[in-house]
Amino acid sequence: MPKMKSVKGAVKRFKIKKSGKIKRGTAFRSHILTKVDGGHKRASRSPKYVSSASAHQIREMIV
């Protein structure tokens, strides 16, 4: 049997940290940010992590 290939889209979007948490990006941060509230932009700067419910699925896609 050949090895299972990882999902390249998931590899580019997620990163597994040393603690085991899966880091993810924030949505709605690409362009047209002039009309977005400043508090919303500040909140989206902080690191975000995948919920424990979907972490198992993403880990299977990456590894």
PDB file of N, CA and C in Angstrom:
ATOM      1  N   MET A   1       0.842  -1.196   0.000  1.00  0.00           N
ATOM      2  CA  MET A   1       0.000   0.000   0.000  1.00  0.00           C
ATOM      3  C   MET A   1       0.881   1.252   0.000  1.00  0.00           C
ATOM      4  N   PRO A   2       0.540   2.226  -0.835  1.00  0.00           N
ATOM      5  CA  PRO A   2       1.296   3.481  -0.795  1.00  0.00           C
ATOM      6  C   PRO A   2       0.916   4.316   0.424  1.00  0.00           C
ATOM      7  N   LYS A   3       1.785   5.257   0.750  1.00  0.00           N
ATOM      8  CA  LYS A   3       1.506   6.135   1.879  1.00  0.00           C
ATOM      9  C   LYS A   3       0.353   7.069   1.550  1.00  0.00           C
ATOM     10  N   MET A   4      -0.385   7.471   2.578  1.00  0.00           N
ATOM     11  CA  MET A   4      -1.466   8.434   2.389  1.00  0.00           C
ATOM     12  C   MET A   4      -0.869   9.819   2.203  1.00  0.00           C
ATOM     13  N   LYS A   5      -1.386  10.549   1.225  1.00  0.00           N
ATOM     14  CA  LYS A   5      -0.894  11.902   0.990  1.00  0.00           C
ATOM     15  C   LYS A   5      -1.617  12.877   1.907  1.00  0.00           C
ATOM     16  N   SER A   6      -0.896  13.890   2.352  1.00  0.00           N
ATOM     17  CA  SER A   6      -1.529  14.926   3.170  1.00  0.00           C
ATOM     18  C   SER A   6      -2.252  15.900   2.251  1.00  0.00           C
ATOM     19  N   VAL A   7      -3.269  16.547   2.782  1.00  0.00           N
ATOM     20  CA  VAL A   7      -4.044  17.532   2.019  1.00  0.00           C
ATOM     21  C   VAL A   7      -3.236  18.825   2.007  1.00  0.00           C
ATOM     22  N   LYS A   8      -2.732  19.208   0.842  1.00  0.00           N
ATOM     23  CA  LYS A   8      -1.806  20.334   0.745  1.00  0.00           C
ATOM     24  C   LYS A   8      -2.466  21.651   1.132  1.00  0.00           C
ATOM     25  N   GLY A   9      -3.764  21.792   0.875  1.00  0.00           N
ATOM     26  CA  GLY A   9      -4.461  23.004   1.287  1.00  0.00           C
ATOM     27  C   GLY A   9      -4.496  23.148   2.793  1.00  0.00           C
ATOM     28  N   ALA A  10      -4.636  22.037   3.491  1.00  0.00           N
ATOM     29  CA  ALA A  10      -4.645  22.056   4.957  1.00  0.00           C
ATOM     30  C   ALA A  10      -3.249  22.310   5.505  1.00  0.00           C
ATOM     31  N   VAL A  11      -2.234  21.783   4.845  1.00  0.00           N
ATOM     32  CA  VAL A  11      -0.853  21.981   5.296  1.00  0.00           C
ATOM     33  C   VAL A  11      -0.492  23.462   5.230  1.00  0.00           C
ATOM     34  N   LYS A  12      -0.987  24.149   4.191  1.00  0.00           N
ATOM     35  CA  LYS A  12      -0.682  25.566   4.031  1.00  0.00           C
ATOM     36  C   LYS A  12      -1.456  26.437   5.020  1.00  0.00           C
ATOM     37  N   ARG A  13      -2.594  25.972   5.500  1.00  0.00           N
ATOM     38  CA  ARG A  13      -3.469  26.799   6.338  1.00  0.00           C
ATOM     39  C   ARG A  13      -3.285  26.594   7.834  1.00  0.00           C
ATOM     40  N   PHE A  14      -2.809  25.430   8.244  1.00  0.00           N
ATOM     41  CA  PHE A  14      -2.726  25.104   9.662  1.00  0.00           C
ATOM     42  C   PHE A  14      -1.300  24.757  10.055  1.00  0.00           C
ATOM     43  N   LYS A  15      -0.981  24.984  11.347  1.00  0.00           N
ATOM     44  CA  LYS A  15       0.337  24.654  11.871  1.00  0.00           C
ATOM     45  C   LYS A  15       0.165  24.037  13.253  1.00  0.00           C
ATOM     46  N   ILE A  16       0.787  22.887  13.487  1.00  0.00           N
ATOM     47  CA  ILE A  16       0.696  22.227  14.791  1.00  0.00           C
ATOM     48  C   ILE A  16       1.800  22.790  15.681  1.00  0.00           C
ATOM     49  N   LYS A  17       1.418  23.328  16.840  1.00  0.00           N
ATOM     50  CA  LYS A  17       2.364  23.907  17.778  1.00  0.00           C
ATOM     51  C   LYS A  17       2.926  22.810  18.680  1.00  0.00           C
ATOM     52  N   LYS A  18       3.938  23.136  19.454  1.00  0.00           N
ATOM     53  CA  LYS A  18       4.565  22.142  20.336  1.00  0.00           C
ATOM     54  C   LYS A  18       3.625  21.658  21.416  1.00  0.00           C
ATOM     55  N   SER A  19       2.681  22.516  21.813  1.00  0.00           N
ATOM     56  CA  SER A  19       1.719  22.113  22.843  1.00  0.00           C
ATOM     57  C   SER A  19       0.687  21.135  22.308  1.00  0.00           C
ATOM     58  N   GLY A  20       0.616  20.971  20.982  1.00  0.00           N
ATOM     59  CA  GLY A  20      -0.360  20.080  20.371  1.00  0.00           C
ATOM     60  C   GLY A  20      -1.547  20.822  19.789  1.00  0.00           C
ATOM     61  N   LYS A  21      -1.673  22.108  20.112  1.00  0.00           N
ATOM     62  CA  LYS A  21      -2.754  22.901  19.550  1.00  0.00           C
ATOM     63  C   LYS A  21      -2.498  23.147  18.067  1.00  0.00           C
ATOM     64  N   ILE A  22      -3.569  23.362  17.312  1.00  0.00           N
ATOM     65  CA  ILE A  22      -3.458  23.639  15.889  1.00  0.00           C
ATOM     66  C   ILE A  22      -3.801  25.103  15.663  1.00  0.00           C
ATOM     67  N   LYS A  23      -2.822  25.849  15.163  1.00  0.00           N
ATOM     68  CA  LYS A  23      -2.994  27.277  14.924  1.00  0.00           C
ATOM     69  C   LYS A  23      -3.650  27.475  13.559  1.00  0.00           C
ATOM     70  N   ARG A  24      -4.525  28.471  13.473  1.00  0.00           N
ATOM     71  CA  ARG A  24      -5.221  28.751  12.216  1.00  0.00           C
ATOM     72  C   ARG A  24      -5.195  30.245  11.958  1.00  0.00           C
ATOM     73  N   GLY A  25      -5.541  30.623  10.741  1.00  0.00           N
ATOM     74  CA  GLY A  25      -5.624  32.031  10.376  1.00  0.00           C
ATOM     75  C   GLY A  25      -6.977  32.607  10.749  1.00  0.00           C
ATOM     76  N   THR A  26      -7.099  33.910  10.589  1.00  0.00           N
ATOM     77  CA  THR A  26      -8.351  34.603  10.882  1.00  0.00           C
ATOM     78  C   THR A  26      -9.047  34.950   9.584  1.00  0.00           C
ATOM     79  N   ALA A  27     -10.340  34.774   9.530  1.00  0.00           N
ATOM     80  CA  ALA A  27     -11.113  35.106   8.336  1.00  0.00           C
ATOM     81  C   ALA A  27     -11.325  36.612   8.232  1.00  0.00           C
ATOM     82  N   PHE A  28     -11.614  37.066   7.037  1.00  0.00           N
ATOM     83  CA  PHE A  28     -11.966  38.471   6.739  1.00  0.00           C
ATOM     84  C   PHE A  28     -10.825  39.430   7.063  1.00  0.00           C
ATOM     85  N   ARG A  29      -9.587  39.045   6.744  1.00  0.00           N
ATOM     86  CA  ARG A  29      -8.446  39.914   7.020  1.00  0.00           C
ATOM     87  C   ARG A  29      -7.655  40.255   5.757  1.00  0.00           C
ATOM     88  N   SER A  30      -8.191  39.988   4.580  1.00  0.00           N
ATOM     89  CA  SER A  30      -7.386  40.126   3.373  1.00  0.00           C
ATOM     90  C   SER A  30      -7.408  41.530   2.785  1.00  0.00           C
ATOM     91  N   HIS A  31      -8.573  42.121   2.590  1.00  0.00           N
ATOM     92  CA  HIS A  31      -8.644  43.432   1.948  1.00  0.00           C
ATOM     93  C   HIS A  31      -9.942  44.128   2.336  1.00  0.00           C
ATOM     94  N   ILE A  32     -10.057  45.389   1.930  1.00  0.00           N
ATOM     95  CA  ILE A  32     -11.195  46.273   2.247  1.00  0.00           C
ATOM     96  C   ILE A  32     -11.421  46.318   3.759  1.00  0.00           C
ATOM     97  N   LEU A  33     -10.370  46.715   4.476  1.00  0.00           N
ATOM     98  CA  LEU A  33     -10.453  46.781   5.928  1.00  0.00           C
ATOM     99  C   LEU A  33     -10.761  48.193   6.425  1.00  0.00           C
ATOM    100  N   THR A  34     -11.018  49.140   5.512  1.00  0.00           N
ATOM    101  CA  THR A  34     -11.305  50.507   5.939  1.00  0.00           C
ATOM    102  C   THR A  34     -12.663  50.605   6.613  1.00  0.00           C
ATOM    103  N   LYS A  35     -13.601  49.793   6.184  1.00  0.00           N
ATOM    104  CA  LYS A  35     -14.945  49.848   6.762  1.00  0.00           C
ATOM    105  C   LYS A  35     -15.125  48.937   7.972  1.00  0.00           C
ATOM    106  N   VAL A  36     -14.062  48.198   8.338  1.00  0.00           N
ATOM    107  CA  VAL A  36     -14.143  47.283   9.474  1.00  0.00           C
ATOM    108  C   VAL A  36     -13.821  48.046  10.756  1.00  0.00           C
ATOM    109  N   ASP A  37     -14.556  47.733  11.813  1.00  0.00           N
ATOM    110  CA  ASP A  37     -14.356  48.366  13.112  1.00  0.00           C
ATOM    111  C   ASP A  37     -12.950  48.075  13.645  1.00  0.00           C
ATOM    112  N   GLY A  38     -12.343  49.061  14.304  1.00  0.00           N
ATOM    113  CA  GLY A  38     -10.984  48.908  14.812  1.00  0.00           C
ATOM    114  C   GLY A  38     -10.852  47.820  15.845  1.00  0.00           C
ATOM    115  N   GLY A  39     -11.854  47.667  16.686  1.00  0.00           N
ATOM    116  CA  GLY A  39     -11.821  46.604  17.688  1.00  0.00           C
ATOM    117  C   GLY A  39     -11.840  45.227  17.064  1.00  0.00           C
ATOM    118  N   HIS A  40     -12.574  45.109  15.964  1.00  0.00           N
ATOM    119  CA  HIS A  40     -12.631  43.828  15.252  1.00  0.00           C
ATOM    120  C   HIS A  40     -11.272  43.495  14.640  1.00  0.00           C
ATOM    121  N   LYS A  41     -10.599  44.506  14.097  1.00  0.00           N
ATOM    122  CA  LYS A  41      -9.274  44.288  13.515  1.00  0.00           C
ATOM    123  C   LYS A  41      -8.255  43.929  14.592  1.00  0.00           C
ATOM    124  N   ARG A  42      -8.316  44.584  15.731  1.00  0.00           N
ATOM    125  CA  ARG A  42      -7.401  44.278  16.829  1.00  0.00           C
ATOM    126  C   ARG A  42      -7.617  42.865  17.353  1.00  0.00           C
ATOM    127  N   ALA A  43      -8.872  42.472  17.462  1.00  0.00           N
ATOM    128  CA  ALA A  43      -9.182  41.130  17.976  1.00  0.00           C
ATOM    129  C   ALA A  43      -8.717  40.040  17.016  1.00  0.00           C
ATOM    130  N   SER A  44      -8.743  40.329  15.712  1.00  0.00           N
ATOM    131  CA  SER A  44      -8.347  39.314  14.739  1.00  0.00           C
ATOM    132  C   SER A  44      -6.838  39.199  14.598  1.00  0.00           C
ATOM    133  N   ARG A  45      -6.076  40.107  15.226  1.00  0.00           N
ATOM    134  CA  ARG A  45      -4.617  40.016  15.200  1.00  0.00           C
ATOM    135  C   ARG A  45      -4.093  38.901  16.104  1.00  0.00           C
ATOM    136  N   SER A  46      -4.786  38.643  17.193  1.00  0.00           N
ATOM    137  CA  SER A  46      -4.312  37.665  18.160  1.00  0.00           C
ATOM    138  C   SER A  46      -4.375  36.256  17.569  1.00  0.00           C
ATOM    139  N   PRO A  47      -3.504  35.342  18.024  1.00  0.00           N
ATOM    140  CA  PRO A  47      -3.484  33.996  17.448  1.00  0.00           C
ATOM    141  C   PRO A  47      -4.768  33.231  17.734  1.00  0.00           C
ATOM    142  N   LYS A  48      -5.217  32.482  16.755  1.00  0.00           N
ATOM    143  CA  LYS A  48      -6.444  31.691  16.866  1.00  0.00           C
ATOM    144  C   LYS A  48      -6.081  30.218  16.761  1.00  0.00           C
ATOM    145  N   TYR A  49      -6.852  29.396  17.458  1.00  0.00           N
ATOM    146  CA  TYR A  49      -6.608  27.963  17.460  1.00  0.00           C
ATOM    147  C   TYR A  49      -7.876  27.222  17.079  1.00  0.00           C
ATOM    148  N   VAL A  50      -7.701  26.049  16.489  1.00  0.00           N
ATOM    149  CA  VAL A  50      -8.816  25.216  16.059  1.00  0.00           C
ATOM    150  C   VAL A  50      -9.498  24.627  17.284  1.00  0.00           C
ATOM    151  N   SER A  51     -10.817  24.497  17.229  1.00  0.00           N
ATOM    152  CA  SER A  51     -11.546  23.907  18.342  1.00  0.00           C
ATOM    153  C   SER A  51     -11.197  22.426  18.469  1.00  0.00           C
ATOM    154  N   SER A  52     -11.382  21.902  19.663  1.00  0.00           N
ATOM    155  CA  SER A  52     -11.025  20.503  19.905  1.00  0.00           C
ATOM    156  C   SER A  52     -11.919  19.545  19.129  1.00  0.00           C
ATOM    157  N   ALA A  53     -13.126  20.006  18.753  1.00  0.00           N
ATOM    158  CA  ALA A  53     -14.043  19.148  18.000  1.00  0.00           C
ATOM    159  C   ALA A  53     -13.515  18.851  16.597  1.00  0.00           C
ATOM    160  N   SER A  54     -12.909  19.844  15.948  1.00  0.00           N
ATOM    161  CA  SER A  54     -12.429  19.644  14.582  1.00  0.00           C
ATOM    162  C   SER A  54     -10.925  19.419  14.502  1.00  0.00           C
ATOM    163  N   ALA A  55     -10.231  19.443  15.634  1.00  0.00           N
ATOM    164  CA  ALA A  55      -8.779  19.265  15.619  1.00  0.00           C
ATOM    165  C   ALA A  55      -8.384  17.886  15.129  1.00  0.00           C
ATOM    166  N   HIS A  56      -9.150  16.864  15.470  1.00  0.00           N
ATOM    167  CA  HIS A  56      -8.826  15.496  15.063  1.00  0.00           C
ATOM    168  C   HIS A  56      -8.867  15.367  13.550  1.00  0.00           C
ATOM    169  N   GLN A  57      -9.874  15.946  12.895  1.00  0.00           N
ATOM    170  CA  GLN A  57      -9.995  15.869  11.435  1.00  0.00           C
ATOM    171  C   GLN A  57      -8.841  16.583  10.747  1.00  0.00           C
ATOM    172  N   ILE A  58      -8.477  17.740  11.258  1.00  0.00           N
ATOM    173  CA  ILE A  58      -7.396  18.513  10.639  1.00  0.00           C
ATOM    174  C   ILE A  58      -6.067  17.825  10.840  1.00  0.00           C
ATOM    175  N   ARG A  59      -5.878  17.222  12.009  1.00  0.00           N
ATOM    176  CA  ARG A  59      -4.626  16.488  12.258  1.00  0.00           C
ATOM    177  C   ARG A  59      -4.473  15.334  11.289  1.00  0.00           C
ATOM    178  N   GLU A  60      -5.563  14.673  10.946  1.00  0.00           N
ATOM    179  CA  GLU A  60      -5.505  13.573   9.966  1.00  0.00           C
ATOM    180  C   GLU A  60      -5.146  14.096   8.579  1.00  0.00           C
ATOM    181  N   MET A  61      -5.631  15.303   8.238  1.00  0.00           N
ATOM    182  CA  MET A  61      -5.324  15.865   6.931  1.00  0.00           C
ATOM    183  C   MET A  61      -3.866  16.279   6.822  1.00  0.00           C
ATOM    184  N   ILE A  62      -3.293  16.794   7.916  1.00  0.00           N
ATOM    185  CA  ILE A  62      -1.924  17.307   7.885  1.00  0.00           C
ATOM    186  C   ILE A  62      -0.895  16.182   7.927  1.00  0.00           C
ATOM    187  N   VAL A  63      -1.081  15.244   8.832  1.00  0.00           N
ATOM    188  CA  VAL A  63      -0.080  14.203   9.049  1.00  0.00           C
ATOM    189  C   VAL A  63      -0.304  13.031   8.111  1.00  0.00           C
TER     190      VAL A  63
END
